N, C-alpha and C. Protein backbone atom coordinates (compact mmCIF):
# COMPACT_ATOMS: atom_id res chain seq x y z
N MET A 1 13.41 9.05 -13.82
CA MET A 1 13.63 10.49 -14.44
C MET A 1 12.94 11.35 -13.46
N ASP A 2 13.19 12.84 -13.72
CA ASP A 2 12.88 13.49 -12.95
C ASP A 2 11.43 14.49 -13.50
N ALA A 3 10.61 14.24 -12.65
CA ALA A 3 9.69 14.91 -13.41
C ALA A 3 9.36 16.18 -13.79
N HIS A 4 10.17 16.92 -14.15
CA HIS A 4 10.44 18.27 -15.00
C HIS A 4 11.02 18.13 -16.21
N VAL A 5 11.55 16.78 -16.54
CA VAL A 5 12.51 17.06 -17.60
C VAL A 5 12.03 17.09 -18.74
N ALA A 6 10.69 16.55 -18.92
CA ALA A 6 9.76 16.24 -19.96
C ALA A 6 9.27 17.91 -20.14
N THR A 7 9.06 18.60 -19.32
CA THR A 7 9.14 19.86 -19.90
C THR A 7 9.82 20.88 -20.04
N VAL A 8 11.08 20.52 -20.23
CA VAL A 8 12.49 21.12 -20.60
C VAL A 8 12.13 21.81 -21.90
N ASP A 9 12.56 22.98 -21.89
CA ASP A 9 12.66 23.41 -23.63
C ASP A 9 13.67 22.50 -24.31
N PRO A 10 13.34 22.49 -25.88
CA PRO A 10 14.40 21.71 -26.34
C PRO A 10 15.70 22.57 -26.45
N ALA A 11 15.31 23.95 -26.94
CA ALA A 11 16.37 25.18 -26.69
C ALA A 11 17.35 24.78 -25.55
N GLU A 12 16.43 24.82 -24.60
CA GLU A 12 17.36 25.16 -23.23
C GLU A 12 17.91 23.59 -23.08
N ALA A 13 18.21 22.53 -23.22
CA ALA A 13 18.28 20.93 -23.59
C ALA A 13 19.56 21.65 -24.03
N MET A 14 19.55 22.28 -25.57
CA MET A 14 20.52 22.32 -25.99
C MET A 14 21.87 22.85 -25.72
N LEU A 15 21.46 24.00 -25.05
CA LEU A 15 22.37 24.86 -24.77
C LEU A 15 23.24 24.60 -23.64
N GLY A 16 22.54 23.78 -22.86
CA GLY A 16 22.61 22.59 -21.90
C GLY A 16 24.01 21.65 -22.70
N GLU A 17 23.84 21.29 -23.38
CA GLU A 17 24.71 20.09 -24.45
C GLU A 17 26.02 21.10 -24.48
N LEU A 18 25.93 22.13 -25.50
CA LEU A 18 26.54 22.85 -26.24
C LEU A 18 27.66 23.84 -24.85
N ALA A 19 27.08 23.95 -23.75
CA ALA A 19 27.87 24.87 -22.62
C ALA A 19 28.76 23.21 -22.63
N GLY A 20 28.49 22.26 -22.32
CA GLY A 20 29.33 21.02 -22.33
C GLY A 20 30.36 20.39 -23.11
N LEU A 21 30.52 20.93 -24.20
CA LEU A 21 30.86 20.40 -25.49
C LEU A 21 32.08 22.01 -25.56
N ASP A 22 31.70 22.83 -25.08
CA ASP A 22 32.30 24.29 -25.28
C ASP A 22 33.52 24.32 -23.71
N LEU A 23 32.94 23.31 -22.95
CA LEU A 23 33.91 23.08 -21.38
C LEU A 23 35.18 22.59 -21.98
N SER A 24 34.62 21.02 -22.68
CA SER A 24 35.50 20.13 -23.10
C SER A 24 36.57 20.44 -23.83
N LEU A 25 35.75 21.61 -24.83
CA LEU A 25 37.04 21.91 -25.71
C LEU A 25 38.29 22.82 -24.87
N ALA A 26 37.55 23.44 -24.46
CA ALA A 26 38.52 24.68 -23.43
C ALA A 26 39.74 23.77 -23.24
N ARG A 27 38.97 22.91 -22.07
CA ARG A 27 39.78 21.92 -21.16
C ARG A 27 41.11 21.61 -22.36
N HIS A 28 40.63 20.80 -23.34
CA HIS A 28 41.51 19.85 -24.54
C HIS A 28 42.66 21.18 -25.07
N VAL A 29 42.14 22.56 -25.40
CA VAL A 29 42.91 23.60 -25.81
C VAL A 29 43.75 24.05 -24.72
N HIS A 30 43.53 23.84 -22.97
CA HIS A 30 44.01 24.43 -22.14
C HIS A 30 45.27 23.27 -22.01
N ALA A 31 45.25 22.19 -22.67
CA ALA A 31 46.26 21.28 -22.25
C ALA A 31 47.06 21.29 -23.20
N CYS A 32 46.39 21.27 -24.47
CA CYS A 32 47.66 21.73 -25.49
C CYS A 32 48.39 22.61 -25.52
N ALA A 33 48.06 23.80 -25.12
CA ALA A 33 48.53 25.13 -24.72
C ALA A 33 49.97 24.85 -23.44
N MET A 34 49.58 23.80 -22.26
CA MET A 34 50.32 23.28 -21.23
C MET A 34 51.10 22.60 -21.98
N ALA A 35 50.94 22.27 -22.76
CA ALA A 35 52.09 20.82 -23.11
C ALA A 35 53.18 21.40 -24.57
N THR A 36 52.49 22.41 -24.94
CA THR A 36 53.95 23.18 -25.89
C THR A 36 54.78 23.89 -25.67
N GLU A 37 56.13 24.24 -26.08
CA GLU A 37 56.93 25.25 -25.32
C GLU A 37 57.24 26.30 -26.63
N ASP A 38 56.36 25.99 -27.65
CA ASP A 38 56.77 27.06 -28.94
C ASP A 38 55.78 28.06 -28.40
N PRO A 39 56.41 29.48 -28.23
CA PRO A 39 55.96 30.65 -28.15
C PRO A 39 54.80 30.82 -28.93
N THR A 40 55.00 30.90 -30.37
CA THR A 40 53.84 31.03 -31.11
C THR A 40 52.92 30.04 -31.02
N GLU A 41 52.78 28.83 -30.58
CA GLU A 41 52.14 28.11 -30.70
C GLU A 41 51.18 27.89 -29.70
N VAL A 42 51.66 28.54 -28.46
CA VAL A 42 51.35 28.96 -27.02
C VAL A 42 50.40 29.68 -27.11
N ALA A 43 50.73 31.09 -27.88
CA ALA A 43 50.00 32.53 -28.02
C ALA A 43 48.96 32.07 -28.87
N ASN A 44 48.78 31.22 -30.04
CA ASN A 44 47.58 30.88 -30.96
C ASN A 44 46.63 30.29 -29.67
N LEU A 45 47.27 29.29 -29.18
CA LEU A 45 46.67 28.39 -28.32
C LEU A 45 45.96 29.00 -27.28
N ALA A 46 46.49 30.31 -26.48
CA ALA A 46 45.93 31.54 -25.19
C ALA A 46 44.84 31.82 -26.36
N ARG A 47 45.01 32.40 -27.29
CA ARG A 47 43.65 33.55 -28.06
C ARG A 47 42.44 32.21 -27.87
N ALA A 48 42.98 30.86 -28.95
CA ALA A 48 42.24 29.84 -29.33
C ALA A 48 41.11 29.38 -27.72
N TYR A 49 41.99 29.29 -26.56
CA TYR A 49 40.73 29.03 -25.08
C TYR A 49 40.42 30.52 -24.58
N GLN A 50 41.01 31.13 -25.13
CA GLN A 50 39.62 32.45 -24.83
C GLN A 50 38.48 32.75 -25.25
N ARG A 51 38.87 32.16 -26.60
CA ARG A 51 37.12 32.61 -27.34
C ARG A 51 36.60 30.98 -26.86
N VAL A 52 37.29 30.19 -26.99
CA VAL A 52 36.17 28.79 -26.14
C VAL A 52 35.44 29.04 -25.40
N ALA A 53 36.53 29.43 -24.05
CA ALA A 53 35.48 29.70 -22.73
C ALA A 53 34.96 31.09 -22.77
N ARG A 54 35.24 32.07 -23.37
CA ARG A 54 34.13 32.73 -23.71
C ARG A 54 32.72 32.10 -24.02
N SER A 55 33.19 31.37 -24.97
CA SER A 55 31.63 30.87 -25.59
C SER A 55 30.78 29.81 -24.68
N ALA A 56 31.57 29.02 -23.85
CA ALA A 56 31.32 28.47 -22.87
C ALA A 56 30.50 29.24 -21.60
N ARG A 57 30.77 30.03 -20.96
CA ARG A 57 30.30 31.23 -20.27
C ARG A 57 29.31 31.57 -20.62
N GLN A 58 29.01 32.13 -21.93
CA GLN A 58 27.46 32.51 -22.84
C GLN A 58 26.96 31.68 -22.75
N SER A 59 26.98 30.15 -23.10
CA SER A 59 25.98 29.23 -23.17
C SER A 59 25.80 28.65 -21.36
N ILE A 60 26.39 28.40 -20.86
CA ILE A 60 26.22 28.58 -19.35
C ILE A 60 25.43 29.45 -19.08
N ALA A 61 25.90 30.98 -19.58
CA ALA A 61 24.95 31.94 -18.94
C ALA A 61 23.06 32.28 -19.78
N LEU A 62 23.20 31.80 -20.54
CA LEU A 62 22.15 31.62 -21.07
C LEU A 62 21.08 30.37 -20.81
N HIS A 63 21.88 29.71 -20.27
CA HIS A 63 21.09 28.27 -20.13
C HIS A 63 20.15 28.51 -19.22
N ALA A 64 21.26 29.03 -17.94
CA ALA A 64 20.76 29.21 -16.70
C ALA A 64 19.75 30.68 -16.50
N ARG A 65 19.84 31.62 -17.26
CA ARG A 65 18.75 32.50 -17.80
C ARG A 65 17.06 32.02 -18.06
N LEU A 66 17.52 30.97 -19.08
CA LEU A 66 16.23 30.22 -19.28
C LEU A 66 15.83 29.15 -18.68
N LYS A 67 16.52 28.56 -17.49
CA LYS A 67 16.38 27.65 -16.79
C LYS A 67 15.31 28.51 -15.49
N ARG A 68 15.86 29.80 -14.97
CA ARG A 68 15.38 30.68 -14.26
C ARG A 68 13.75 31.28 -14.72
N GLU A 69 13.75 31.13 -16.43
CA GLU A 69 12.79 31.79 -16.49
C GLU A 69 11.54 30.79 -16.48
N ARG A 70 11.89 29.80 -16.86
CA ARG A 70 11.38 28.15 -16.89
C ARG A 70 10.58 27.93 -15.36
N GLU A 71 11.50 28.11 -14.53
CA GLU A 71 11.16 28.01 -12.85
C GLU A 71 10.44 28.82 -12.85
N ARG A 72 10.30 30.47 -13.29
CA ARG A 72 9.87 31.26 -12.82
C ARG A 72 8.30 31.16 -13.23
N ALA A 73 8.27 30.52 -14.41
CA ALA A 73 6.89 30.73 -15.06
C ALA A 73 5.93 29.34 -14.48
N GLU A 74 6.74 28.60 -14.20
CA GLU A 74 6.02 27.24 -13.45
C GLU A 74 5.82 27.55 -11.92
N ARG A 75 5.88 28.36 -11.34
CA ARG A 75 5.73 28.98 -10.00
C ARG A 75 5.01 29.78 -10.51
N ASP A 76 4.65 30.90 -10.89
CA ASP A 76 3.90 31.77 -11.41
C ASP A 76 2.79 31.20 -12.12
N ALA A 77 2.19 30.00 -12.65
CA ALA A 77 1.32 29.66 -12.97
C ALA A 77 0.14 29.10 -12.38
N PRO A 78 -1.11 29.30 -12.60
CA PRO A 78 -2.02 29.09 -11.27
C PRO A 78 -2.40 27.81 -11.54
N PRO A 79 -2.66 27.61 -10.19
CA PRO A 79 -3.19 25.65 -9.76
C PRO A 79 -4.41 25.46 -10.70
N PRO A 80 -4.21 24.31 -11.07
CA PRO A 80 -5.54 23.94 -11.71
C PRO A 80 -6.71 23.82 -10.78
N PRO A 81 -7.90 23.94 -11.31
CA PRO A 81 -9.15 24.21 -10.63
C PRO A 81 -9.43 23.40 -9.96
N SER A 82 -10.09 23.21 -8.95
CA SER A 82 -10.42 21.61 -8.12
C SER A 82 -11.96 21.71 -8.44
N PRO A 83 -11.87 20.40 -9.16
CA PRO A 83 -13.18 19.75 -9.17
C PRO A 83 -14.49 19.90 -8.69
N PRO A 84 -15.67 20.43 -9.24
CA PRO A 84 -16.59 20.72 -8.46
C PRO A 84 -17.27 20.17 -7.13
N LYS A 85 -17.32 20.21 -5.99
CA LYS A 85 -17.91 19.47 -4.72
C LYS A 85 -18.34 18.82 -4.94
N PRO A 86 -18.03 16.85 -4.53
CA PRO A 86 -18.93 16.27 -5.22
C PRO A 86 -20.82 16.28 -4.12
N ALA A 87 -21.95 15.70 -4.77
CA ALA A 87 -22.85 15.92 -3.73
C ALA A 87 -22.89 14.72 -2.62
N ARG A 88 -23.49 15.17 -1.67
CA ARG A 88 -23.18 14.34 -0.36
C ARG A 88 -24.08 13.01 -0.14
N ASP A 89 -23.10 12.30 0.14
CA ASP A 89 -23.24 10.88 -0.23
C ASP A 89 -23.36 10.14 1.41
N GLU A 90 -24.67 10.13 2.22
CA GLU A 90 -24.66 9.70 3.72
C GLU A 90 -24.05 8.77 4.25
N ARG A 91 -24.21 7.76 3.00
CA ARG A 91 -24.58 6.27 3.13
C ARG A 91 -22.65 6.13 3.08
N ARG A 92 -22.35 6.60 2.21
CA ARG A 92 -20.88 6.32 2.28
C ARG A 92 -19.75 7.06 3.14
N ILE A 93 -20.34 8.51 3.59
CA ILE A 93 -19.64 9.15 4.62
C ILE A 93 -19.89 8.13 6.23
N GLU A 94 -20.89 8.10 6.03
CA GLU A 94 -21.09 7.37 7.57
C GLU A 94 -20.42 5.89 7.59
N ALA A 95 -20.31 4.78 6.19
CA ALA A 95 -19.51 4.00 6.50
C ALA A 95 -18.22 4.28 6.86
N ARG A 96 -17.90 5.06 5.96
CA ARG A 96 -16.04 5.37 6.39
C ARG A 96 -15.98 5.90 7.75
N ARG A 97 -16.55 6.60 7.81
CA ARG A 97 -16.44 7.56 9.36
C ARG A 97 -16.43 6.32 10.32
N GLU A 98 -17.01 5.12 10.43
CA GLU A 98 -17.31 4.00 11.38
C GLU A 98 -16.15 3.17 10.97
N ALA A 99 -15.61 3.02 9.42
CA ALA A 99 -14.33 2.14 9.76
C ALA A 99 -13.51 2.73 10.11
N VAL A 100 -12.96 3.99 9.96
CA VAL A 100 -11.98 5.07 10.65
C VAL A 100 -11.94 5.00 12.14
N HIS A 101 -12.64 5.16 12.48
CA HIS A 101 -13.20 5.31 13.82
C HIS A 101 -12.70 3.80 14.74
N ALA A 102 -13.23 3.04 13.78
CA ALA A 102 -12.88 1.46 14.66
C ALA A 102 -11.10 1.52 14.52
N ALA A 103 -10.81 1.72 13.25
CA ALA A 103 -9.38 1.71 13.46
C ALA A 103 -8.55 2.44 14.23
N VAL A 104 -8.60 3.53 13.88
CA VAL A 104 -7.97 4.19 14.83
C VAL A 104 -8.19 4.31 16.39
N CYS A 105 -9.70 3.55 16.78
CA CYS A 105 -9.64 3.14 18.67
C CYS A 105 -8.74 1.80 18.58
N ARG A 106 -8.62 0.91 17.42
CA ARG A 106 -7.68 0.15 18.00
C ARG A 106 -6.48 0.19 18.10
N VAL A 107 -5.76 1.26 17.33
CA VAL A 107 -4.55 1.75 17.32
C VAL A 107 -4.14 2.77 18.91
N ALA A 108 -5.23 3.70 19.31
CA ALA A 108 -4.87 4.05 20.33
C ALA A 108 -5.16 3.02 21.42
N TRP A 109 -6.10 2.19 21.46
CA TRP A 109 -6.29 1.17 22.26
C TRP A 109 -4.73 0.70 22.48
N SER A 110 -3.96 0.46 21.70
CA SER A 110 -2.77 -0.85 21.47
C SER A 110 -1.74 0.20 22.32
N GLU A 111 -2.28 1.59 22.83
CA GLU A 111 -1.23 2.52 22.95
C GLU A 111 -1.59 2.66 24.79
N TYR A 112 -2.88 2.27 25.37
CA TYR A 112 -3.41 2.17 26.61
C TYR A 112 -3.09 0.97 27.39
N GLU A 113 -3.05 -0.11 26.37
CA GLU A 113 -3.52 -1.40 26.66
C GLU A 113 -2.72 -2.14 27.72
N GLY A 114 -2.88 -2.69 29.03
CA GLY A 114 -2.31 -2.81 30.05
C GLY A 114 -2.16 -1.71 31.17
N CYS A 115 -2.72 -0.60 30.89
CA CYS A 115 -2.34 0.28 31.93
C CYS A 115 -3.39 0.22 33.15
N ASP A 116 -3.13 0.50 34.42
CA ASP A 116 -3.79 0.48 35.32
C ASP A 116 -4.06 1.24 36.13
N ALA A 117 -3.46 2.29 36.24
CA ALA A 117 -3.55 3.52 37.00
C ALA A 117 -4.46 4.46 36.72
N ASP A 118 -5.56 4.93 37.71
CA ASP A 118 -7.00 5.33 36.78
C ASP A 118 -6.65 6.72 36.13
N GLU A 119 -5.60 7.84 36.32
CA GLU A 119 -5.05 8.37 35.90
C GLU A 119 -4.80 8.11 33.92
N ASP A 120 -4.64 7.32 33.94
CA ASP A 120 -4.48 6.35 32.52
C ASP A 120 -5.23 5.96 32.16
N LEU A 121 -6.18 5.41 32.78
CA LEU A 121 -7.43 5.05 32.00
C LEU A 121 -8.46 6.29 31.82
N ASP A 122 -8.46 7.15 32.59
CA ASP A 122 -9.26 8.70 32.20
C ASP A 122 -8.53 9.23 31.26
N ASP A 123 -7.27 9.01 30.88
CA ASP A 123 -6.52 9.77 29.55
C ASP A 123 -6.87 9.11 28.48
N ARG A 124 -7.14 7.80 28.42
CA ARG A 124 -7.61 6.63 27.28
C ARG A 124 -8.70 7.41 27.29
N ASP A 125 -9.85 7.26 28.19
CA ASP A 125 -11.54 7.24 27.57
C ASP A 125 -11.47 8.44 27.14
N MET A 126 -10.28 9.62 27.80
CA MET A 126 -10.67 11.09 27.13
C MET A 126 -10.13 11.00 25.45
N PHE A 127 -9.59 10.26 25.46
CA PHE A 127 -8.36 9.94 23.73
C PHE A 127 -9.76 9.60 22.94
N LEU A 128 -10.41 8.60 23.25
CA LEU A 128 -11.07 7.64 22.64
C LEU A 128 -12.25 8.43 22.24
N ASP A 129 -13.00 9.34 23.28
CA ASP A 129 -14.18 10.17 23.14
C ASP A 129 -13.66 11.57 21.94
N LEU A 130 -12.09 11.89 22.48
CA LEU A 130 -11.84 12.53 21.17
C LEU A 130 -11.59 12.37 19.53
N ILE A 131 -11.10 11.02 19.44
CA ILE A 131 -11.28 10.54 18.11
C ILE A 131 -12.41 10.17 17.47
N ARG A 132 -13.31 10.03 18.56
CA ARG A 132 -14.95 10.06 18.06
C ARG A 132 -15.68 11.63 17.66
N ASP A 133 -15.04 12.66 18.48
CA ASP A 133 -15.50 13.96 17.91
C ASP A 133 -14.63 14.69 16.73
N VAL A 134 -13.50 14.08 16.46
CA VAL A 134 -12.53 14.51 15.35
C VAL A 134 -13.23 13.72 14.50
N LEU A 135 -13.93 12.52 13.90
CA LEU A 135 -14.48 12.10 13.22
C LEU A 135 -15.79 12.89 13.06
N ILE A 136 -16.50 12.96 13.41
CA ILE A 136 -17.94 13.83 13.33
C ILE A 136 -17.62 14.90 12.88
N LYS A 137 -16.60 15.29 13.28
CA LYS A 137 -16.85 16.79 12.73
C LYS A 137 -16.04 17.04 11.06
N ALA A 138 -15.06 15.75 11.02
CA ALA A 138 -14.63 15.74 9.71
C ALA A 138 -15.68 15.44 8.49
N ALA A 139 -16.57 14.58 9.33
CA ALA A 139 -17.29 13.99 8.40
C ALA A 139 -18.58 14.66 7.76
N ARG A 140 -18.67 16.31 8.44
CA ARG A 140 -19.77 16.87 8.07
C ARG A 140 -19.34 17.53 6.89
N HIS A 141 -17.86 17.38 6.18
CA HIS A 141 -17.52 17.83 4.81
C HIS A 141 -17.70 16.77 3.91
N ASP A 142 -18.27 16.75 2.86
CA ASP A 142 -19.03 16.21 1.71
C ASP A 142 -17.71 15.38 1.24
N THR A 143 -16.79 15.47 1.05
CA THR A 143 -15.40 14.93 0.43
C THR A 143 -15.07 13.93 1.58
N PHE A 144 -15.52 14.01 2.80
CA PHE A 144 -15.01 12.87 3.46
C PHE A 144 -14.87 11.74 2.99
N GLY A 145 -13.41 11.39 3.14
CA GLY A 145 -13.12 10.04 2.54
C GLY A 145 -12.55 10.06 1.02
N LEU A 146 -13.10 11.25 0.39
CA LEU A 146 -12.42 11.48 -1.16
C LEU A 146 -10.76 12.18 -0.72
N ILE A 147 -10.22 12.34 -2.17
CA ILE A 147 -8.90 12.41 -2.72
C ILE A 147 -9.32 13.47 -4.03
N GLU A 148 -8.68 14.21 -4.22
CA GLU A 148 -8.23 14.69 -5.86
C GLU A 148 -7.38 13.80 -6.30
N GLU A 149 -7.63 13.35 -7.60
CA GLU A 149 -6.88 12.91 -8.45
C GLU A 149 -7.46 13.31 -9.93
N ALA A 150 -6.28 13.85 -10.61
CA ALA A 150 -6.71 13.96 -12.07
C ALA A 150 -7.71 14.57 -12.10
N GLY A 151 -8.13 16.01 -11.59
CA GLY A 151 -9.23 16.59 -11.57
C GLY A 151 -10.76 16.28 -11.23
N ASP A 152 -10.76 15.11 -10.44
CA ASP A 152 -11.50 14.67 -9.90
C ASP A 152 -11.74 14.07 -8.81
N TRP A 153 -12.79 13.58 -7.79
CA TRP A 153 -13.18 13.23 -6.64
C TRP A 153 -12.96 11.73 -6.65
N VAL A 154 -11.91 10.85 -5.95
CA VAL A 154 -11.86 9.41 -5.95
C VAL A 154 -12.15 8.93 -4.41
N VAL A 155 -12.16 7.81 -4.16
CA VAL A 155 -12.31 7.37 -3.00
C VAL A 155 -11.02 7.53 -2.58
N GLU A 156 -10.51 7.65 -1.33
CA GLU A 156 -9.45 7.63 -0.58
C GLU A 156 -9.10 6.03 0.03
N PRO A 157 -7.83 5.34 -0.71
CA PRO A 157 -7.72 4.16 0.32
C PRO A 157 -8.15 4.45 1.91
N LEU A 158 -8.70 3.54 2.46
CA LEU A 158 -8.78 3.64 3.45
C LEU A 158 -7.64 3.43 4.50
N ASP A 159 -6.85 2.29 4.16
CA ASP A 159 -5.17 2.62 5.37
C ASP A 159 -4.74 4.43 5.33
N ASP A 160 -4.95 4.40 3.84
CA ASP A 160 -4.49 6.00 3.55
C ASP A 160 -4.73 7.33 4.55
N HIS A 161 -6.32 6.74 4.78
CA HIS A 161 -6.92 7.65 5.50
C HIS A 161 -7.01 7.35 6.92
N ILE A 162 -6.74 6.12 7.36
CA ILE A 162 -6.70 5.84 8.48
C ILE A 162 -5.06 6.52 9.11
N ALA A 163 -4.36 5.83 8.26
CA ALA A 163 -2.81 6.61 8.73
C ALA A 163 -2.76 8.01 8.76
N ARG A 164 -3.41 8.62 7.57
CA ARG A 164 -3.17 10.53 7.92
C ARG A 164 -4.15 10.68 9.24
N VAL A 165 -5.26 9.85 9.24
CA VAL A 165 -6.11 10.40 11.26
C VAL A 165 -4.89 10.17 12.19
N CYS A 166 -4.41 9.09 12.05
CA CYS A 166 -3.51 8.48 13.28
C CYS A 166 -2.04 9.82 13.21
N ALA A 167 -1.82 10.42 12.01
CA ALA A 167 -0.41 11.15 12.34
C ALA A 167 -1.03 12.63 12.76
N GLU A 168 -2.44 13.01 12.47
CA GLU A 168 -3.19 14.17 12.78
C GLU A 168 -3.29 13.77 14.37
N LEU A 169 -3.15 13.04 15.22
CA LEU A 169 -3.49 12.73 16.68
C LEU A 169 -2.40 12.16 17.45
N GLU A 170 -1.27 12.31 16.30
CA GLU A 170 0.10 11.89 16.81
C GLU A 170 -0.08 10.69 17.34
N LEU A 171 -0.72 9.50 16.96
CA LEU A 171 -0.39 8.21 17.19
C LEU A 171 0.55 7.55 16.35
N PRO A 172 1.11 6.19 16.43
CA PRO A 172 2.61 5.89 16.09
C PRO A 172 2.06 5.44 14.81
N GLU A 173 2.69 5.92 13.73
CA GLU A 173 2.91 5.29 12.27
C GLU A 173 2.60 3.80 12.28
N GLU A 174 3.61 3.39 12.42
CA GLU A 174 3.88 1.69 12.62
C GLU A 174 2.48 1.31 13.02
N ALA A 175 1.92 1.56 14.36
CA ALA A 175 0.83 1.02 14.97
C ALA A 175 -0.48 1.07 13.63
N ALA A 176 -0.76 3.02 12.94
CA ALA A 176 -1.26 2.95 12.26
C ALA A 176 -1.43 1.87 10.88
N ARG A 177 -0.14 1.59 10.65
CA ARG A 177 -0.06 0.91 9.19
C ARG A 177 -0.59 -0.64 9.72
N ALA A 178 -0.67 -0.94 11.14
CA ALA A 178 -0.43 -2.66 11.17
C ALA A 178 -2.09 -2.37 12.19
N TRP A 179 -3.07 -1.71 11.74
CA TRP A 179 -4.10 -1.55 12.68
C TRP A 179 -4.86 -2.79 12.44
N ARG A 180 -4.87 -3.53 11.65
CA ARG A 180 -5.98 -4.97 10.87
C ARG A 180 -5.27 -5.67 11.94
N ASP A 181 -3.99 -5.81 12.69
CA ASP A 181 -3.42 -6.89 13.32
C ASP A 181 -3.96 -6.33 15.07
N LEU A 182 -4.42 -5.54 15.31
CA LEU A 182 -4.58 -5.24 16.66
C LEU A 182 -5.88 -5.78 17.14
N PRO A 183 -6.30 -5.46 18.25
CA PRO A 183 -7.56 -5.66 18.86
C PRO A 183 -8.42 -5.17 19.05
N ASP A 184 -9.85 -4.52 19.18
CA ASP A 184 -10.62 -4.10 19.29
C ASP A 184 -10.63 -3.54 20.52
N PRO A 185 -11.10 -2.38 21.09
CA PRO A 185 -11.18 -2.15 22.12
C PRO A 185 -12.63 -2.73 22.97
N PRO A 186 -12.88 -2.84 24.25
CA PRO A 186 -14.11 -3.32 24.84
C PRO A 186 -14.96 -2.56 24.21
N PRO A 187 -15.96 -2.90 23.61
CA PRO A 187 -17.48 -2.20 23.21
C PRO A 187 -17.10 -1.06 24.14
N ASP A 188 -17.22 -1.36 25.59
CA ASP A 188 -17.94 -0.33 26.67
C ASP A 188 -17.07 0.93 26.67
N ASP A 189 -15.55 0.65 25.93
CA ASP A 189 -14.72 1.73 26.02
C ASP A 189 -14.47 2.66 24.77
N ASP A 190 -14.97 2.26 23.67
CA ASP A 190 -15.06 2.98 22.43
C ASP A 190 -16.23 3.78 22.03
N GLY A 191 -17.17 3.22 22.68
CA GLY A 191 -18.63 3.94 22.64
C GLY A 191 -19.16 3.55 21.28
N ASP A 192 -18.70 2.53 20.57
CA ASP A 192 -19.42 2.00 18.93
C ASP A 192 -18.99 0.67 18.72
N ASP A 193 -19.85 0.07 18.77
CA ASP A 193 -19.18 -1.27 17.79
C ASP A 193 -18.64 -1.29 17.07
N PRO A 194 -17.43 -2.06 16.79
CA PRO A 194 -16.67 -1.86 15.73
C PRO A 194 -17.53 -2.30 14.11
N PRO A 195 -17.43 -1.43 12.89
CA PRO A 195 -17.92 -2.08 12.16
C PRO A 195 -16.84 -3.45 11.25
N ASP A 196 -17.77 -3.69 10.19
CA ASP A 196 -16.95 -4.48 9.32
C ASP A 196 -15.81 -3.79 8.64
N GLU A 197 -14.24 -4.70 9.13
CA GLU A 197 -13.39 -4.20 7.99
C GLU A 197 -13.29 -4.12 7.12
N SER A 198 -14.43 -4.64 6.38
CA SER A 198 -14.09 -4.44 4.75
C SER A 198 -15.02 -2.86 4.37
N SER A 199 -15.59 -2.42 5.38
CA SER A 199 -16.16 -1.07 4.98
C SER A 199 -15.16 -0.28 4.26
N GLY A 200 -16.03 0.67 3.60
CA GLY A 200 -14.63 1.76 2.68
C GLY A 200 -14.04 1.50 1.72
């Protein structure tokens, strides 16, 4: 079901239904008028058709106006307030940073694995350094590894966090989702020993 249906005013829903009934009746009266050859009956049916058609137009116009007003009110409504920032938890943040770092380095390594050219190796090392720096900077925020949900801060699923960081670094989504199946880079190449996968 569409997410906004539950918020539609009952009067708006009834107007929509009424417009549909008016339209069905207008079609029926029109069909009757087209099927008869009696001039008097045609004239009576034509007047009835005009009245029903006018009623249908009014119902449709009023329904559209109420819909516009509802959508404007939804648009102009202030966003729900963000929950207060959580107290900084260094242990949680560092564990999450290490877990995301190890996983994203796996994804990056999978892109460069098997390269031989010195230029490619330099690019790989620079990219692994970039991952470390990006995560160190992000981990300065007390909400690192958290997301807003139902007016509170909750722990972001590790796989979602990894996929989001990989997307920001333009690493392939398929590899990001399969990070658990990818090998770790050699320790000397990523600058950090990989943490336990269950961290975070």
